[in-house]
Protein backbone atom coordinates (compact mmCIF):
# COMPACT_ATOMS: atom_id res chain seq x y z
CA MET A 1 -187.36 -27.49 43.17
CA SER A 2 -184.33 -26.08 44.96
CA SER A 3 -182.72 -27.66 48.03
CA ILE A 4 -179.71 -26.99 50.25
CA THR A 5 -177.57 -29.63 51.95
CA GLU A 6 -174.03 -29.98 53.28
CA VAL A 7 -172.95 -32.67 50.84
CA VAL A 8 -174.34 -34.08 47.60
CA VAL A 9 -173.23 -37.55 46.66
CA ILE A 10 -173.77 -38.23 42.94
CA GLY A 11 -174.33 -41.92 42.32
CA GLY A 12 -176.09 -44.56 44.43
CA GLY A 13 -173.96 -47.58 43.62
CA GLN A 14 -171.38 -49.15 45.92
CA ALA A 15 -169.11 -46.07 46.06
CA GLY A 16 -171.96 -43.67 46.80
CA LEU A 17 -173.34 -45.95 49.54
CA ALA A 18 -169.91 -46.30 51.16
CA ALA A 19 -169.58 -42.51 51.18
CA GLY A 20 -173.05 -42.22 52.68
CA TYR A 21 -172.18 -44.66 55.46
CA HIS A 22 -169.17 -42.62 56.56
CA LEU A 23 -170.92 -39.26 56.22
CA ARG A 24 -173.74 -40.56 58.41
CA ARG A 25 -171.29 -41.76 61.07
CA LEU A 26 -169.66 -38.32 61.11
CA GLY A 27 -172.96 -36.51 61.49
CA VAL A 28 -172.75 -34.72 58.12
CA GLU A 29 -175.97 -33.78 56.39
CA PHE A 30 -176.09 -35.23 52.88
CA VAL A 31 -178.18 -36.57 50.07
CA ILE A 32 -177.39 -39.26 47.50
CA LEU A 33 -178.71 -38.60 43.98
CA ASP A 34 -178.98 -41.76 41.90
CA ALA A 35 -179.86 -41.99 38.23
CA GLN A 36 -180.98 -45.61 38.56
CA ALA A 37 -184.64 -46.45 39.15
CA CYS A 38 -183.77 -49.11 41.73
CA ALA A 39 -181.04 -49.87 44.24
CA GLY A 40 -178.05 -51.96 43.17
CA GLY A 41 -176.02 -49.66 40.97
CA ALA A 42 -174.52 -51.16 37.81
CA TRP A 43 -174.75 -54.66 39.24
CA GLN A 44 -178.44 -54.83 38.24
CA HIS A 45 -177.45 -54.54 34.56
CA THR A 46 -174.68 -57.16 34.26
CA TRP A 47 -174.74 -60.52 32.53
CA GLU A 48 -176.38 -63.51 34.24
CA SER A 49 -173.28 -65.61 34.85
CA LEU A 50 -171.10 -62.84 36.30
CA ARG A 51 -169.34 -63.80 39.51
CA LEU A 52 -167.38 -61.79 42.03
CA PHE A 53 -163.64 -62.42 42.28
CA SER A 54 -163.78 -62.92 46.06
CA PRO A 55 -165.91 -64.76 48.61
CA ALA A 56 -168.73 -62.72 50.07
CA ALA A 57 -166.94 -61.86 53.32
CA TYR A 58 -164.14 -60.23 51.31
CA SER A 59 -166.54 -58.29 49.05
CA SER A 60 -168.19 -56.12 51.67
CA LEU A 61 -168.84 -52.40 52.16
CA PRO A 62 -167.96 -50.76 55.49
CA GLY A 63 -170.03 -51.73 58.48
CA ARG A 64 -171.89 -54.68 56.97
CA ILE A 65 -170.33 -57.99 55.93
CA MET A 66 -171.94 -59.42 52.80
CA PRO A 67 -173.69 -62.66 53.75
CA ALA A 68 -172.63 -65.78 51.89
CA GLN A 69 -174.73 -66.90 48.96
CA GLN A 70 -176.05 -70.40 49.47
CA GLY A 71 -174.22 -72.92 47.31
CA GLU A 72 -171.80 -70.33 45.88
CA THR A 73 -168.25 -69.46 46.94
CA TYR A 74 -168.17 -66.44 44.61
CA PRO A 75 -171.53 -64.58 44.72
CA ASP A 76 -173.37 -63.62 41.53
CA ALA A 77 -174.60 -60.18 40.54
CA ARG A 78 -178.13 -60.77 41.83
CA HIS A 79 -176.72 -61.46 45.30
CA VAL A 80 -174.74 -58.21 45.14
CA VAL A 81 -177.89 -56.26 44.18
CA SER A 82 -179.72 -57.77 47.16
CA TYR A 83 -176.80 -56.87 49.45
CA LEU A 84 -176.66 -53.28 48.26
CA THR A 85 -180.43 -52.91 48.57
CA ASP A 86 -180.30 -54.19 52.14
CA TYR A 87 -177.27 -51.98 52.91
CA GLU A 88 -179.10 -48.86 51.77
CA ARG A 89 -182.14 -49.77 53.84
CA ARG A 90 -180.19 -50.86 56.94
CA TYR A 91 -178.35 -47.53 57.27
CA GLU A 92 -181.37 -45.48 56.15
CA LEU A 93 -179.28 -43.71 53.56
CA PRO A 94 -181.09 -40.73 51.98
CA VAL A 95 -181.10 -41.84 48.35
CA VAL A 96 -183.27 -39.87 45.91
CA ARG A 97 -183.99 -41.64 42.62
CA PRO A 98 -184.29 -41.55 39.75
CA VAL A 99 -182.42 -38.25 39.51
CA ARG A 100 -179.99 -37.52 36.70
CA VAL A 101 -177.38 -34.85 37.38
CA THR A 102 -176.82 -32.63 34.37
CA GLY A 103 -174.10 -30.35 35.70
CA VAL A 104 -172.11 -29.18 38.74
CA HIS A 105 -171.34 -25.45 38.82
CA ARG A 106 -169.47 -23.08 41.11
CA ASP A 107 -171.87 -20.77 42.92
CA GLY A 108 -169.95 -18.50 45.31
CA ASP A 109 -169.28 -20.39 48.55
CA PHE A 110 -171.32 -23.28 47.26
CA LEU A 111 -171.44 -25.79 44.43
CA ARG A 112 -174.72 -25.89 42.52
CA VAL A 113 -175.86 -29.32 41.38
CA GLU A 114 -178.31 -29.12 38.47
CA THR A 115 -180.53 -32.16 37.84
CA ASP A 116 -183.58 -33.18 35.88
CA SER A 117 -185.51 -32.95 39.16
CA GLY A 118 -184.33 -29.61 40.49
CA THR A 119 -181.27 -27.92 41.95
CA TRP A 120 -179.19 -28.59 45.07
CA ARG A 121 -176.76 -26.08 46.60
CA THR A 122 -174.03 -27.67 48.68
CA ARG A 123 -170.63 -27.00 50.18
CA ALA A 124 -169.15 -30.28 48.86
CA VAL A 125 -169.79 -32.88 46.18
CA ILE A 126 -168.70 -36.50 46.08
CA SER A 127 -168.91 -37.79 42.53
CA ALA A 128 -169.38 -41.56 42.50
CA THR A 129 -170.87 -42.25 39.08
CA GLY A 130 -168.46 -45.03 38.12
CA THR A 131 -167.71 -46.16 34.59
CA TRP A 132 -170.50 -48.54 33.52
CA GLY A 133 -172.38 -45.77 31.76
CA ARG A 134 -169.51 -45.01 29.39
CA PRO A 135 -168.46 -48.17 27.51
CA PHE A 136 -165.36 -47.93 25.30
CA VAL A 137 -165.02 -49.50 21.85
CA PRO A 138 -161.68 -49.06 20.04
CA ALA A 139 -161.57 -47.73 16.48
CA VAL A 140 -160.92 -50.63 14.09
CA PRO A 141 -160.91 -50.14 10.30
CA GLY A 142 -163.71 -51.60 8.23
CA ASP A 143 -167.39 -52.20 8.69
CA PHE A 144 -169.26 -55.16 10.14
CA ALA A 145 -172.80 -55.53 8.85
CA ARG A 146 -174.16 -57.70 11.65
CA SER A 147 -174.71 -57.39 15.39
CA GLN A 148 -172.15 -55.55 17.56
CA LEU A 149 -172.48 -55.36 21.34
CA HIS A 150 -170.45 -54.21 24.32
CA THR A 151 -170.08 -55.88 27.70
CA VAL A 152 -172.96 -53.71 28.95
CA ASP A 153 -175.32 -55.27 26.38
CA TYR A 154 -174.49 -58.95 27.02
CA ARG A 155 -176.90 -61.01 29.10
CA SER A 156 -176.52 -64.77 28.47
CA ALA A 157 -175.08 -67.40 26.18
CA GLU A 158 -178.60 -68.55 25.31
CA ASP A 159 -179.04 -65.39 23.22
CA PHE A 160 -176.24 -66.60 20.92
CA ALA A 161 -176.73 -70.36 20.90
CA GLY A 162 -175.51 -71.90 17.63
CA GLN A 163 -174.06 -68.60 16.36
CA ARG A 164 -170.50 -67.59 15.40
CA VAL A 165 -169.37 -65.06 17.95
CA VAL A 166 -166.20 -63.00 18.22
CA VAL A 167 -165.36 -61.82 21.74
CA VAL A 168 -162.77 -59.02 21.92
CA GLY A 169 -160.78 -58.34 25.07
CA GLY A 170 -158.28 -60.10 27.27
CA GLY A 171 -159.41 -58.83 30.67
CA ASN A 172 -161.82 -60.35 33.18
CA SER A 173 -164.98 -59.43 31.30
CA GLY A 174 -163.66 -60.84 28.05
CA ALA A 175 -162.56 -64.09 29.70
CA GLN A 176 -165.79 -64.57 31.64
CA ILE A 177 -168.03 -63.86 28.63
CA ALA A 178 -165.85 -66.06 26.37
CA ALA A 179 -166.08 -68.87 28.94
CA ASP A 180 -169.85 -68.40 29.09
CA LEU A 181 -170.16 -68.66 25.31
CA ALA A 182 -167.60 -71.42 24.75
CA TYR A 183 -170.11 -74.26 25.23
CA LYS A 184 -172.94 -72.96 23.06
CA THR A 185 -171.34 -71.02 20.18
CA ASP A 186 -168.63 -71.17 17.56
CA LEU A 187 -166.31 -68.90 19.53
CA THR A 188 -163.42 -66.73 18.40
CA TRP A 189 -161.65 -64.95 21.24
CA ALA A 190 -159.38 -62.09 20.16
CA THR A 191 -156.96 -60.41 22.58
CA ALA A 192 -154.34 -57.69 22.19
CA ARG A 193 -151.79 -59.94 23.88
CA PRO A 194 -151.83 -63.55 25.06
CA PRO A 195 -154.14 -63.96 28.07
CA ARG A 196 -152.35 -63.63 31.41
CA TYR A 197 -154.14 -65.69 34.07
CA LEU A 198 -153.46 -65.01 37.70
CA PRO A 199 -152.53 -68.09 39.71
CA ASP A 200 -155.69 -70.11 40.42
CA ASP A 201 -155.49 -69.47 44.17
CA ILE A 202 -155.52 -65.68 43.81
CA ASP A 203 -158.78 -63.82 44.17
CA GLY A 204 -159.97 -60.33 45.06
CA ARG A 205 -158.34 -60.36 48.47
CA ALA A 206 -154.85 -60.54 46.93
CA LEU A 207 -155.79 -58.00 44.28
CA PHE A 208 -156.81 -55.47 46.93
CA ASP A 209 -153.56 -56.05 48.84
CA ALA A 210 -151.54 -55.56 45.64
CA ALA A 211 -153.34 -52.37 44.73
CA THR A 212 -152.90 -51.00 48.25
CA ALA A 213 -149.19 -51.86 48.32
CA ARG A 214 -148.69 -50.07 44.99
CA ARG A 215 -150.42 -46.90 46.16
CA ARG A 216 -148.41 -46.85 49.39
CA ALA A 217 -145.17 -47.29 47.46
CA LEU A 218 -145.99 -44.46 45.06
CA ASP A 219 -147.10 -42.14 47.88
CA ALA A 220 -143.79 -42.84 49.67
CA GLY A 221 -141.73 -42.17 46.57
CA ARG A 222 -140.63 -45.76 46.21
CA ALA A 223 -140.46 -47.78 42.99
CA ASP A 224 -143.73 -48.75 41.32
CA THR A 225 -144.60 -52.33 42.33
CA GLY A 226 -146.86 -52.75 39.31
CA GLY A 227 -149.85 -53.48 41.48
CA VAL A 228 -152.50 -55.80 40.13
CA ALA A 229 -151.10 -55.56 36.59
CA SER A 230 -147.92 -57.25 37.77
CA LEU A 231 -149.88 -60.36 38.69
CA GLY A 232 -151.87 -60.85 35.49
CA ASP A 233 -155.04 -59.70 33.71
CA ILE A 234 -157.57 -62.46 34.42
CA VAL A 235 -158.80 -63.87 37.72
CA ALA A 236 -159.43 -67.57 37.13
CA VAL A 237 -162.88 -67.78 38.71
CA PRO A 238 -164.31 -71.34 38.45
CA PRO A 239 -166.20 -70.95 35.14
CA VAL A 240 -163.12 -69.42 33.46
CA ARG A 241 -160.85 -72.08 34.93
CA GLU A 242 -163.14 -74.87 33.78
CA ALA A 243 -163.41 -73.60 30.21
CA ARG A 244 -159.66 -72.93 30.06
CA ASP A 245 -158.76 -76.38 31.37
CA ALA A 246 -161.20 -77.96 28.90
CA GLY A 247 -159.29 -76.31 26.06
CA LEU A 248 -162.20 -74.05 25.09
CA LEU A 249 -160.48 -70.71 25.72
CA LYS A 250 -157.93 -70.37 22.95
CA ALA A 251 -157.18 -66.77 22.22
CA ARG A 252 -156.16 -65.43 18.85
CA PRO A 253 -154.23 -62.16 18.34
CA MET A 254 -156.25 -59.02 17.80
CA PHE A 255 -157.57 -58.77 14.23
CA SER A 256 -156.56 -55.81 12.05
CA ARG A 257 -159.90 -54.91 10.45
CA LEU A 258 -163.61 -55.61 10.27
CA THR A 259 -165.28 -57.10 7.24
CA PRO A 260 -169.00 -57.09 6.39
CA ASN A 261 -169.23 -60.72 7.52
CA GLY A 262 -166.61 -60.92 10.26
CA VAL A 263 -163.02 -59.99 11.03
CA ALA A 264 -159.66 -60.26 9.24
CA TRP A 265 -156.05 -60.48 10.37
CA ALA A 266 -153.02 -58.88 8.76
CA ASP A 267 -151.86 -62.25 7.39
CA GLY A 268 -155.03 -62.57 5.32
CA THR A 269 -156.90 -65.05 7.52
CA THR A 270 -160.51 -64.31 8.32
CA ALA A 271 -163.31 -65.45 10.63
CA GLU A 272 -166.98 -65.09 9.89
CA ALA A 273 -169.25 -63.95 12.68
CA ASP A 274 -172.89 -63.38 13.46
CA ALA A 275 -171.99 -61.08 16.35
CA ILE A 276 -169.02 -59.25 17.85
CA ILE A 277 -168.95 -58.53 21.60
CA TRP A 278 -166.52 -55.81 22.60
CA CYS A 279 -165.22 -56.45 26.13
CA THR A 280 -162.89 -53.50 25.87
CA GLY A 281 -163.47 -51.59 29.04
CA PHE A 282 -164.95 -48.29 30.13
CA ARG A 283 -164.13 -44.67 30.72
CA PRO A 284 -165.15 -42.65 33.81
CA VAL A 285 -168.57 -40.97 33.66
CA LEU A 286 -167.59 -37.36 34.32
CA SER A 287 -169.65 -35.26 31.88
CA HIS A 288 -171.69 -33.80 34.79
CA LEU A 289 -168.46 -32.18 36.03
CA ALA A 290 -167.62 -30.49 32.72
CA PRO A 291 -168.83 -27.01 33.87
CA LEU A 292 -166.01 -27.00 36.45
CA GLY A 293 -163.35 -27.27 33.75
CA LEU A 294 -161.14 -29.74 35.61
CA ARG A 295 -160.29 -32.39 33.04
CA GLY A 296 -156.60 -33.26 32.74
CA SER A 297 -154.65 -35.83 30.74
CA ARG A 298 -156.37 -39.04 29.68
CA GLY A 299 -159.73 -37.48 30.49
CA ARG A 300 -159.17 -37.70 34.21
CA ILE A 301 -159.52 -35.00 36.83
CA PRO A 302 -156.25 -34.53 38.76
CA THR A 303 -156.67 -35.52 42.41
CA THR A 304 -154.79 -35.77 45.64
CA GLY A 305 -156.33 -38.88 47.11
CA THR A 306 -160.00 -38.40 46.36
CA GLN A 307 -159.90 -34.57 46.41
CA SER A 308 -159.83 -32.61 43.17
CA VAL A 309 -156.73 -30.46 42.85
CA GLY A 310 -158.54 -27.74 40.93
CA GLU A 311 -161.72 -27.71 43.01
CA PRO A 312 -161.13 -28.81 46.64
CA ARG A 313 -164.88 -28.96 47.34
CA LEU A 314 -165.10 -31.90 44.93
CA HIS A 315 -164.15 -35.48 45.74
CA LEU A 316 -164.10 -38.35 43.23
CA LEU A 317 -164.72 -41.85 44.44
CA GLY A 318 -164.78 -45.30 42.88
CA TYR A 319 -163.30 -44.67 39.42
CA GLY A 320 -160.14 -46.74 39.84
CA ASP A 321 -156.76 -46.58 41.55
CA TRP A 322 -156.37 -42.88 40.74
CA THR A 323 -159.15 -42.16 43.25
CA GLY A 324 -158.01 -44.71 45.86
CA PRO A 325 -156.43 -48.17 45.74
CA ALA A 326 -158.94 -50.66 44.34
CA SER A 327 -161.68 -48.03 44.84
CA ALA A 328 -163.72 -49.46 41.96
CA THR A 329 -164.29 -52.64 43.99
CA LEU A 330 -166.66 -53.43 46.84
CA ILE A 331 -163.91 -54.20 49.31
CA GLY A 332 -161.65 -51.39 48.17
CA VAL A 333 -163.99 -48.41 48.19
CA GLY A 334 -164.50 -48.23 51.95
CA ARG A 335 -161.12 -46.70 52.80
CA PRO A 336 -161.13 -43.82 50.29
CA ALA A 337 -164.81 -43.20 51.11
CA ARG A 338 -163.85 -42.78 54.74
CA GLU A 339 -161.02 -40.42 53.85
CA ALA A 340 -163.26 -38.28 51.66
CA ALA A 341 -165.95 -38.06 54.33
CA ARG A 342 -163.40 -37.11 57.01
CA GLN A 343 -161.85 -34.43 54.85
CA ILE A 344 -165.26 -32.89 54.24
CA ALA A 345 -166.27 -33.11 57.89
CA ASP A 346 -162.95 -31.63 59.10
CA CYS A 347 -162.85 -28.75 56.63
CA PRO A 348 -162.07 -25.66 58.78
CA GLY A 349 -164.41 -22.74 58.59
CA ARG A 350 -166.80 -24.50 56.28
CA PRO A 351 -169.93 -22.49 55.53
CA THR A 352 -173.21 -23.78 56.88
CA PRO A 353 -175.94 -23.96 54.23
């Protein structure tokens, strides 16, 4: 199958839907190609106890406020999936799934998007594939003979009840999963530096403001404000706060090596474990863009705003602050999505497929 459209959006999660909303409003013809079988993006694969950092009204995509979840100040992942599913349906966004993009190629005046379901030729591509599909685990000497998982594999504390579990990582995922496990397991929480909790009254609203202020300062040539990192690493959502205040979240320094039965520190102390859960982050999913040869330092593609420097017909959306302040969040992705859509729509002399 071969198709032609003005814009191909790759990824049907929150960033792809936000892009679709703005493209629709601007009258641009587009299609969203999503590798998932169902609506909801990566949210449909997260652990059961995951909570947003902000109330529903401050976790919304453009045009549609997320309704509150009954009995919850901070909505859970299931509520987000329902919201994204409704959002896609409400705006009649043209999502085709499941379609896995294998490569984006230059093709004269067009970009050619190769997939496992055919080919699309388009004048612009918005890549919005996120990071969930590329979990990162650091290299640590030694070998552990038992179960090792990443954040993407974790579902609930019930799966580890009564076990000895090592959780690695001092960010939000590490803190939330450690808090989840603290009541049912013999928990060891290892972090590269002592946990830095944001003040208890700070949530995603303040984080978005901090990220935006940092980007504006950098764009204006002013001193780096530090953004979110200047405030701390962990948002103290209620489950984390409760476990911390109960004395159940006591972090140890990062261990130096793995052993067959656990982990060991440089001073010779050890901890046995039945499982290690690596909450050590992600890398952007960009392999489908490899044929364009755009990768720069740290595996990123250099951009001005969302637009690729080396291929102006390509926009990147939702991968982190380098593609828009807080653009990897629900509330933050709307603004860079609007900017990308406007740039595409306003492109002078653009060819008509």
